[in-house]
Amino acid sequence: MIMESKKKHVVSVSVLLFLMFWSQPIWAQSGGQDFFQAIGKMYVVIAVIAVLFIGLMGYLFSLDKRISKLENLKSDGEEF
């Protein structure tokens, strides 16, 4: 049973890798420039990614503070 699972996993990974490398020439641009650089949107993409990353980090930081506060309340024996 375990061998069948491993075989399925190996086959699915192999197919995924094959499709990734097979489709690589399709993604290639013929001008030598990146698509987003060609249309002038590279900085917009970078800004959006940066804003999302900063927002995610802020959310995780606030979540960590809340969890730490609840853990401290629980270790003190108080109910929350």
PDB file of N, CA and C in Angstrom:
ATOM      1  N   MET A   1       0.824  -1.196   0.000  1.00  0.00           N
ATOM      2  CA  MET A   1       0.000   0.000   0.000  1.00  0.00           C
ATOM      3  C   MET A   1       0.868   1.261   0.000  1.00  0.00           C
ATOM      4  N   ILE A   2       1.945   1.207   0.788  1.00  0.00           N
ATOM      5  CA  ILE A   2       2.831   2.366   0.850  1.00  0.00           C
ATOM      6  C   ILE A   2       3.570   2.536  -0.468  1.00  0.00           C
ATOM      7  N   MET A   3       3.952   1.442  -1.078  1.00  0.00           N
ATOM      8  CA  MET A   3       4.665   1.508  -2.353  1.00  0.00           C
ATOM      9  C   MET A   3       3.796   2.113  -3.444  1.00  0.00           C
ATOM     10  N   GLU A   4       2.508   1.788  -3.440  1.00  0.00           N
ATOM     11  CA  GLU A   4       1.603   2.369  -4.428  1.00  0.00           C
ATOM     12  C   GLU A   4       1.505   3.870  -4.238  1.00  0.00           C
ATOM     13  N   SER A   5       1.474   4.303  -2.990  1.00  0.00           N
ATOM     14  CA  SER A   5       1.410   5.733  -2.696  1.00  0.00           C
ATOM     15  C   SER A   5       2.676   6.433  -3.165  1.00  0.00           C
ATOM     16  N   LYS A   6       3.821   5.812  -2.921  1.00  0.00           N
ATOM     17  CA  LYS A   6       5.082   6.406  -3.365  1.00  0.00           C
ATOM     18  C   LYS A   6       5.160   6.450  -4.882  1.00  0.00           C
ATOM     19  N   LYS A   7       4.673   5.387  -5.545  1.00  0.00           N
ATOM     20  CA  LYS A   7       4.691   5.370  -7.001  1.00  0.00           C
ATOM     21  C   LYS A   7       3.813   6.479  -7.568  1.00  0.00           C
ATOM     22  N   LYS A   8       2.634   6.667  -6.973  1.00  0.00           N
ATOM     23  CA  LYS A   8       1.744   7.736  -7.437  1.00  0.00           C
ATOM     24  C   LYS A   8       2.399   9.092  -7.239  1.00  0.00           C
ATOM     25  N   HIS A   9       3.078   9.254  -6.109  1.00  0.00           N
ATOM     26  CA  HIS A   9       3.742  10.523  -5.829  1.00  0.00           C
ATOM     27  C   HIS A   9       4.868  10.775  -6.837  1.00  0.00           C
ATOM     28  N   VAL A  10       5.672   9.751  -7.115  1.00  0.00           N
ATOM     29  CA  VAL A  10       6.770   9.895  -8.065  1.00  0.00           C
ATOM     30  C   VAL A  10       6.236  10.195  -9.463  1.00  0.00           C
ATOM     31  N   VAL A  11       5.175   9.527  -9.850  1.00  0.00           N
ATOM     32  CA  VAL A  11       4.591   9.761 -11.177  1.00  0.00           C
ATOM     33  C   VAL A  11       4.032  11.181 -11.266  1.00  0.00           C
ATOM     34  N   SER A  12       3.326  11.638 -10.234  1.00  0.00           N
ATOM     35  CA  SER A  12       2.741  12.974 -10.292  1.00  0.00           C
ATOM     36  C   SER A  12       3.824  14.051 -10.305  1.00  0.00           C
ATOM     37  N   VAL A  13       4.888  13.869  -9.537  1.00  0.00           N
ATOM     38  CA  VAL A  13       5.982  14.833  -9.556  1.00  0.00           C
ATOM     39  C   VAL A  13       6.683  14.817 -10.909  1.00  0.00           C
ATOM     40  N   SER A  14       6.869  13.642 -11.474  1.00  0.00           N
ATOM     41  CA  SER A  14       7.505  13.538 -12.788  1.00  0.00           C
ATOM     42  C   SER A  14       6.681  14.234 -13.859  1.00  0.00           C
ATOM     43  N   VAL A  15       5.389  14.031 -13.831  1.00  0.00           N
ATOM     44  CA  VAL A  15       4.513  14.687 -14.812  1.00  0.00           C
ATOM     45  C   VAL A  15       4.552  16.197 -14.629  1.00  0.00           C
ATOM     46  N   LEU A  16       4.539  16.651 -13.400  1.00  0.00           N
ATOM     47  CA  LEU A  16       4.596  18.092 -13.126  1.00  0.00           C
ATOM     48  C   LEU A  16       5.892  18.695 -13.652  1.00  0.00           C
ATOM     49  N   LEU A  17       7.010  18.054 -13.370  1.00  0.00           N
ATOM     50  CA  LEU A  17       8.295  18.557 -13.864  1.00  0.00           C
ATOM     51  C   LEU A  17       8.353  18.547 -15.384  1.00  0.00           C
ATOM     52  N   PHE A  18       7.846  17.487 -16.002  1.00  0.00           N
ATOM     53  CA  PHE A  18       7.828  17.419 -17.457  1.00  0.00           C
ATOM     54  C   PHE A  18       7.024  18.572 -18.046  1.00  0.00           C
ATOM     55  N   LEU A  19       5.854  18.821 -17.494  1.00  0.00           N
ATOM     56  CA  LEU A  19       5.013  19.901 -18.020  1.00  0.00           C
ATOM     57  C   LEU A  19       5.647  21.271 -17.792  1.00  0.00           C
ATOM     58  N   MET A  20       6.316  21.441 -16.660  1.00  0.00           N
ATOM     59  CA  MET A  20       6.983  22.724 -16.408  1.00  0.00           C
ATOM     60  C   MET A  20       8.068  22.987 -17.435  1.00  0.00           C
ATOM     61  N   PHE A  21       8.922  21.991 -17.680  1.00  0.00           N
ATOM     62  CA  PHE A  21      10.023  22.198 -18.609  1.00  0.00           C
ATOM     63  C   PHE A  21       9.568  22.177 -20.061  1.00  0.00           C
ATOM     64  N   TRP A  22       8.506  21.486 -20.370  1.00  0.00           N
ATOM     65  CA  TRP A  22       7.980  21.450 -21.722  1.00  0.00           C
ATOM     66  C   TRP A  22       7.361  22.789 -22.103  1.00  0.00           C
ATOM     67  N   SER A  23       6.722  23.454 -21.142  1.00  0.00           N
ATOM     68  CA  SER A  23       6.058  24.718 -21.449  1.00  0.00           C
ATOM     69  C   SER A  23       6.992  25.916 -21.336  1.00  0.00           C
ATOM     70  N   GLN A  24       8.215  25.721 -20.919  1.00  0.00           N
ATOM     71  CA  GLN A  24       9.158  26.834 -20.759  1.00  0.00           C
ATOM     72  C   GLN A  24       9.366  27.623 -22.052  1.00  0.00           C
ATOM     73  N   PRO A  25       9.560  27.007 -23.211  1.00  0.00           N
ATOM     74  CA  PRO A  25       9.740  27.811 -24.434  1.00  0.00           C
ATOM     75  C   PRO A  25       8.506  28.648 -24.783  1.00  0.00           C
ATOM     76  N   ILE A  26       7.347  28.228 -24.348  1.00  0.00           N
ATOM     77  CA  ILE A  26       6.133  28.999 -24.624  1.00  0.00           C
ATOM     78  C   ILE A  26       6.166  30.329 -23.880  1.00  0.00           C
ATOM     79  N   TRP A  27       6.757  30.321 -22.665  1.00  0.00           N
ATOM     80  CA  TRP A  27       6.805  31.536 -21.853  1.00  0.00           C
ATOM     81  C   TRP A  27       7.840  32.535 -22.346  1.00  0.00           C
ATOM     82  N   ALA A  28       8.783  32.098 -23.129  1.00  0.00           N
ATOM     83  CA  ALA A  28       9.892  32.959 -23.531  1.00  0.00           C
ATOM     84  C   ALA A  28       9.388  34.114 -24.389  1.00  0.00           C
ATOM     85  N   GLN A  29       9.942  35.287 -24.119  1.00  0.00           N
ATOM     86  CA  GLN A  29       9.604  36.465 -24.901  1.00  0.00           C
ATOM     87  C   GLN A  29      10.650  36.621 -26.005  1.00  0.00           C
ATOM     88  N   SER A  30      10.248  37.114 -27.130  1.00  0.00           N
ATOM     89  CA  SER A  30      11.177  37.204 -28.258  1.00  0.00           C
ATOM     90  C   SER A  30      11.917  38.532 -28.299  1.00  0.00           C
ATOM     91  N   GLY A  31      11.677  39.451 -27.378  1.00  0.00           N
ATOM     92  CA  GLY A  31      12.361  40.738 -27.412  1.00  0.00           C
ATOM     93  C   GLY A  31      13.525  40.825 -26.461  1.00  0.00           C
ATOM     94  N   GLY A  32      13.687  39.862 -25.608  1.00  0.00           N
ATOM     95  CA  GLY A  32      14.768  39.919 -24.643  1.00  0.00           C
ATOM     96  C   GLY A  32      14.374  40.662 -23.377  1.00  0.00           C
ATOM     97  N   GLN A  33      13.256  41.339 -23.391  1.00  0.00           N
ATOM     98  CA  GLN A  33      12.792  42.058 -22.207  1.00  0.00           C
ATOM     99  C   GLN A  33      11.711  41.256 -21.514  1.00  0.00           C
ATOM    100  N   ASP A  34      11.611  41.489 -20.222  1.00  0.00           N
ATOM    101  CA  ASP A  34      10.538  40.875 -19.464  1.00  0.00           C
ATOM    102  C   ASP A  34       9.218  41.526 -19.850  1.00  0.00           C
ATOM    103  N   PHE A  35       8.139  40.778 -19.744  1.00  0.00           N
ATOM    104  CA  PHE A  35       6.826  41.285 -20.143  1.00  0.00           C
ATOM    105  C   PHE A  35       6.455  42.550 -19.383  1.00  0.00           C
ATOM    106  N   PHE A  36       6.639  42.528 -18.062  1.00  0.00           N
ATOM    107  CA  PHE A  36       6.240  43.689 -17.257  1.00  0.00           C
ATOM    108  C   PHE A  36       7.158  44.886 -17.489  1.00  0.00           C
ATOM    109  N   GLN A  37       8.420  44.643 -17.775  1.00  0.00           N
ATOM    110  CA  GLN A  37       9.310  45.744 -18.114  1.00  0.00           C
ATOM    111  C   GLN A  37       8.922  46.340 -19.456  1.00  0.00           C
ATOM    112  N   ALA A  38       8.479  45.504 -20.358  1.00  0.00           N
ATOM    113  CA  ALA A  38       8.130  45.975 -21.695  1.00  0.00           C
ATOM    114  C   ALA A  38       6.926  46.904 -21.661  1.00  0.00           C
ATOM    115  N   ILE A  39       5.978  46.638 -20.776  1.00  0.00           N
ATOM    116  CA  ILE A  39       4.798  47.494 -20.729  1.00  0.00           C
ATOM    117  C   ILE A  39       4.889  48.535 -19.620  1.00  0.00           C
ATOM    118  N   GLY A  40       6.023  48.598 -18.894  1.00  0.00           N
ATOM    119  CA  GLY A  40       6.243  49.638 -17.899  1.00  0.00           C
ATOM    120  C   GLY A  40       5.526  49.419 -16.584  1.00  0.00           C
ATOM    121  N   LYS A  41       5.184  48.206 -16.247  1.00  0.00           N
ATOM    122  CA  LYS A  41       4.441  47.933 -15.021  1.00  0.00           C
ATOM    123  C   LYS A  41       5.284  47.223 -13.962  1.00  0.00           C
ATOM    124  N   MET A  42       6.583  47.135 -14.169  1.00  0.00           N
ATOM    125  CA  MET A  42       7.434  46.393 -13.245  1.00  0.00           C
ATOM    126  C   MET A  42       7.373  46.982 -11.840  1.00  0.00           C
ATOM    127  N   TYR A  43       7.427  48.296 -11.720  1.00  0.00           N
ATOM    128  CA  TYR A  43       7.416  48.918 -10.403  1.00  0.00           C
ATOM    129  C   TYR A  43       6.060  48.782  -9.726  1.00  0.00           C
ATOM    130  N   VAL A  44       5.009  48.725 -10.491  1.00  0.00           N
ATOM    131  CA  VAL A  44       3.682  48.510  -9.923  1.00  0.00           C
ATOM    132  C   VAL A  44       3.594  47.112  -9.318  1.00  0.00           C
ATOM    133  N   VAL A  45       4.112  46.133 -10.021  1.00  0.00           N
ATOM    134  CA  VAL A  45       4.102  44.758  -9.523  1.00  0.00           C
ATOM    135  C   VAL A  45       4.929  44.650  -8.248  1.00  0.00           C
ATOM    136  N   ILE A  46       6.103  45.269  -8.235  1.00  0.00           N
ATOM    137  CA  ILE A  46       6.954  45.240  -7.049  1.00  0.00           C
ATOM    138  C   ILE A  46       6.266  45.936  -5.880  1.00  0.00           C
ATOM    139  N   ALA A  47       5.608  47.064  -6.122  1.00  0.00           N
ATOM    140  CA  ALA A  47       4.920  47.780  -5.061  1.00  0.00           C
ATOM    141  C   ALA A  47       3.768  46.962  -4.481  1.00  0.00           C
ATOM    142  N   VAL A  48       3.008  46.305  -5.327  1.00  0.00           N
ATOM    143  CA  VAL A  48       1.892  45.482  -4.850  1.00  0.00           C
ATOM    144  C   VAL A  48       2.397  44.319  -4.014  1.00  0.00           C
ATOM    145  N   ILE A  49       3.454  43.671  -4.474  1.00  0.00           N
ATOM    146  CA  ILE A  49       4.030  42.559  -3.709  1.00  0.00           C
ATOM    147  C   ILE A  49       4.557  43.057  -2.369  1.00  0.00           C
ATOM    148  N   ALA A  50       5.202  44.215  -2.349  1.00  0.00           N
ATOM    149  CA  ALA A  50       5.735  44.769  -1.101  1.00  0.00           C
ATOM    150  C   ALA A  50       4.608  45.102  -0.125  1.00  0.00           C
ATOM    151  N   VAL A  51       3.528  45.700  -0.618  1.00  0.00           N
ATOM    152  CA  VAL A  51       2.399  46.033   0.246  1.00  0.00           C
ATOM    153  C   VAL A  51       1.764  44.771   0.813  1.00  0.00           C
ATOM    154  N   LEU A  52       1.589  43.755  -0.012  1.00  0.00           N
ATOM    155  CA  LEU A  52       1.030  42.493   0.474  1.00  0.00           C
ATOM    156  C   LEU A  52       1.935  41.850   1.517  1.00  0.00           C
ATOM    157  N   PHE A  53       3.238  41.877   1.284  1.00  0.00           N
ATOM    158  CA  PHE A  53       4.177  41.284   2.226  1.00  0.00           C
ATOM    159  C   PHE A  53       4.170  42.035   3.556  1.00  0.00           C
ATOM    160  N   ILE A  54       4.165  43.357   3.512  1.00  0.00           N
ATOM    161  CA  ILE A  54       4.134  44.153   4.743  1.00  0.00           C
ATOM    162  C   ILE A  54       2.825  43.931   5.485  1.00  0.00           C
ATOM    163  N   GLY A  55       1.719  43.872   4.771  1.00  0.00           N
ATOM    164  CA  GLY A  55       0.429  43.609   5.414  1.00  0.00           C
ATOM    165  C   GLY A  55       0.380  42.243   6.058  1.00  0.00           C
ATOM    166  N   LEU A  56       0.891  41.242   5.382  1.00  0.00           N
ATOM    167  CA  LEU A  56       0.922  39.889   5.933  1.00  0.00           C
ATOM    168  C   LEU A  56       1.804  39.828   7.176  1.00  0.00           C
ATOM    169  N   MET A  57       2.954  40.464   7.131  1.00  0.00           N
ATOM    170  CA  MET A  57       3.840  40.472   8.290  1.00  0.00           C
ATOM    171  C   MET A  57       3.195  41.212   9.471  1.00  0.00           C
ATOM    172  N   GLY A  58       2.505  42.309   9.200  1.00  0.00           N
ATOM    173  CA  GLY A  58       1.800  43.028  10.268  1.00  0.00           C
ATOM    174  C   GLY A  58       0.712  42.180  10.892  1.00  0.00           C
ATOM    175  N   TYR A  59      -0.036  41.475  10.068  1.00  0.00           N
ATOM    176  CA  TYR A  59      -1.090  40.600  10.579  1.00  0.00           C
ATOM    177  C   TYR A  59      -0.505  39.478  11.428  1.00  0.00           C
ATOM    178  N   LEU A  60       0.562  38.856  10.960  1.00  0.00           N
ATOM    179  CA  LEU A  60       1.190  37.780  11.725  1.00  0.00           C
ATOM    180  C   LEU A  60       1.767  38.292  13.042  1.00  0.00           C
ATOM    181  N   PHE A  61       2.333  39.488  13.043  1.00  0.00           N
ATOM    182  CA  PHE A  61       2.863  40.067  14.271  1.00  0.00           C
ATOM    183  C   PHE A  61       1.751  40.329  15.277  1.00  0.00           C
ATOM    184  N   SER A  62       0.632  40.888  14.814  1.00  0.00           N
ATOM    185  CA  SER A  62      -0.477  41.152  15.736  1.00  0.00           C
ATOM    186  C   SER A  62      -1.098  39.850  16.232  1.00  0.00           C
ATOM    187  N   LEU A  63      -1.173  38.854  15.387  1.00  0.00           N
ATOM    188  CA  LEU A  63      -1.699  37.555  15.788  1.00  0.00           C
ATOM    189  C   LEU A  63      -0.792  36.907  16.835  1.00  0.00           C
ATOM    190  N   ASP A  64       0.510  37.041  16.657  1.00  0.00           N
ATOM    191  CA  ASP A  64       1.461  36.507  17.635  1.00  0.00           C
ATOM    192  C   ASP A  64       1.292  37.193  18.984  1.00  0.00           C
ATOM    193  N   LYS A  65       1.096  38.505  18.975  1.00  0.00           N
ATOM    194  CA  LYS A  65       0.899  39.217  20.241  1.00  0.00           C
ATOM    195  C   LYS A  65      -0.373  38.753  20.939  1.00  0.00           C
ATOM    196  N   ARG A  66      -1.449  38.543  20.184  1.00  0.00           N
ATOM    197  CA  ARG A  66      -2.707  38.079  20.788  1.00  0.00           C
ATOM    198  C   ARG A  66      -2.559  36.673  21.363  1.00  0.00           C
ATOM    199  N   ILE A  67      -1.898  35.806  20.630  1.00  0.00           N
ATOM    200  CA  ILE A  67      -1.713  34.433  21.109  1.00  0.00           C
ATOM    201  C   ILE A  67      -0.834  34.426  22.352  1.00  0.00           C
ATOM    202  N   SER A  68       0.218  35.231  22.359  1.00  0.00           N
ATOM    203  CA  SER A  68       1.083  35.305  23.536  1.00  0.00           C
ATOM    204  C   SER A  68       0.305  35.812  24.749  1.00  0.00           C
ATOM    205  N   LYS A  69      -0.550  36.790  24.538  1.00  0.00           N
ATOM    206  CA  LYS A  69      -1.364  37.323  25.633  1.00  0.00           C
ATOM    207  C   LYS A  69      -2.299  36.252  26.179  1.00  0.00           C
ATOM    208  N   LEU A  70      -2.939  35.473  25.298  1.00  0.00           N
ATOM    209  CA  LEU A  70      -3.818  34.393  25.741  1.00  0.00           C
ATOM    210  C   LEU A  70      -3.037  33.293  26.458  1.00  0.00           C
ATOM    211  N   GLU A  71      -1.847  32.992  25.981  1.00  0.00           N
ATOM    212  CA  GLU A  71      -1.025  31.984  26.650  1.00  0.00           C
ATOM    213  C   GLU A  71      -0.629  32.437  28.045  1.00  0.00           C
ATOM    214  N   ASN A  72      -0.302  33.718  28.188  1.00  0.00           N
ATOM    215  CA  ASN A  72       0.054  34.246  29.507  1.00  0.00           C
ATOM    216  C   ASN A  72      -1.143  34.209  30.450  1.00  0.00           C
ATOM    217  N   LEU A  73      -2.321  34.542  29.926  1.00  0.00           N
ATOM    218  CA  LEU A  73      -3.524  34.478  30.767  1.00  0.00           C
ATOM    219  C   LEU A  73      -3.815  33.056  31.198  1.00  0.00           C
ATOM    220  N   LYS A  74      -3.622  32.110  30.309  1.00  0.00           N
ATOM    221  CA  LYS A  74      -3.889  30.727  30.643  1.00  0.00           C
ATOM    222  C   LYS A  74      -2.884  30.184  31.667  1.00  0.00           C
ATOM    223  N   SER A  75      -1.605  30.589  31.527  1.00  0.00           N
ATOM    224  CA  SER A  75      -0.593  30.104  32.472  1.00  0.00           C
ATOM    225  C   SER A  75      -0.781  30.723  33.846  1.00  0.00           C
ATOM    226  N   ASP A  76      -1.400  31.906  33.931  1.00  0.00           N
ATOM    227  CA  ASP A  76      -1.684  32.532  35.220  1.00  0.00           C
ATOM    228  C   ASP A  76      -2.903  31.949  35.876  1.00  0.00           C
ATOM    229  N   GLY A  77      -3.646  31.147  35.165  1.00  0.00           N
ATOM    230  CA  GLY A  77      -4.834  30.511  35.703  1.00  0.00           C
ATOM    231  C   GLY A  77      -6.108  31.327  35.545  1.00  0.00           C
ATOM    232  N   GLU A  78      -6.026  32.433  34.854  1.00  0.00           N
ATOM    233  CA  GLU A  78      -7.214  33.270  34.628  1.00  0.00           C
ATOM    234  C   GLU A  78      -7.994  32.719  33.448  1.00  0.00           C
ATOM    235  N   GLU A  79      -9.299  32.968  33.488  1.00  0.00           N
ATOM    236  CA  GLU A  79     -10.126  32.589  32.343  1.00  0.00           C
ATOM    237  C   GLU A  79     -10.212  33.759  31.372  1.00  0.00           C
ATOM    238  N   PHE A  80     -10.320  33.461  30.132  1.00  0.00           N
ATOM    239  CA  PHE A  80     -10.426  34.523  29.128  1.00  0.00           C
ATOM    240  C   PHE A  80     -11.698  34.482  28.395  1.00  0.00           C
TER     241      PHE A  80
END
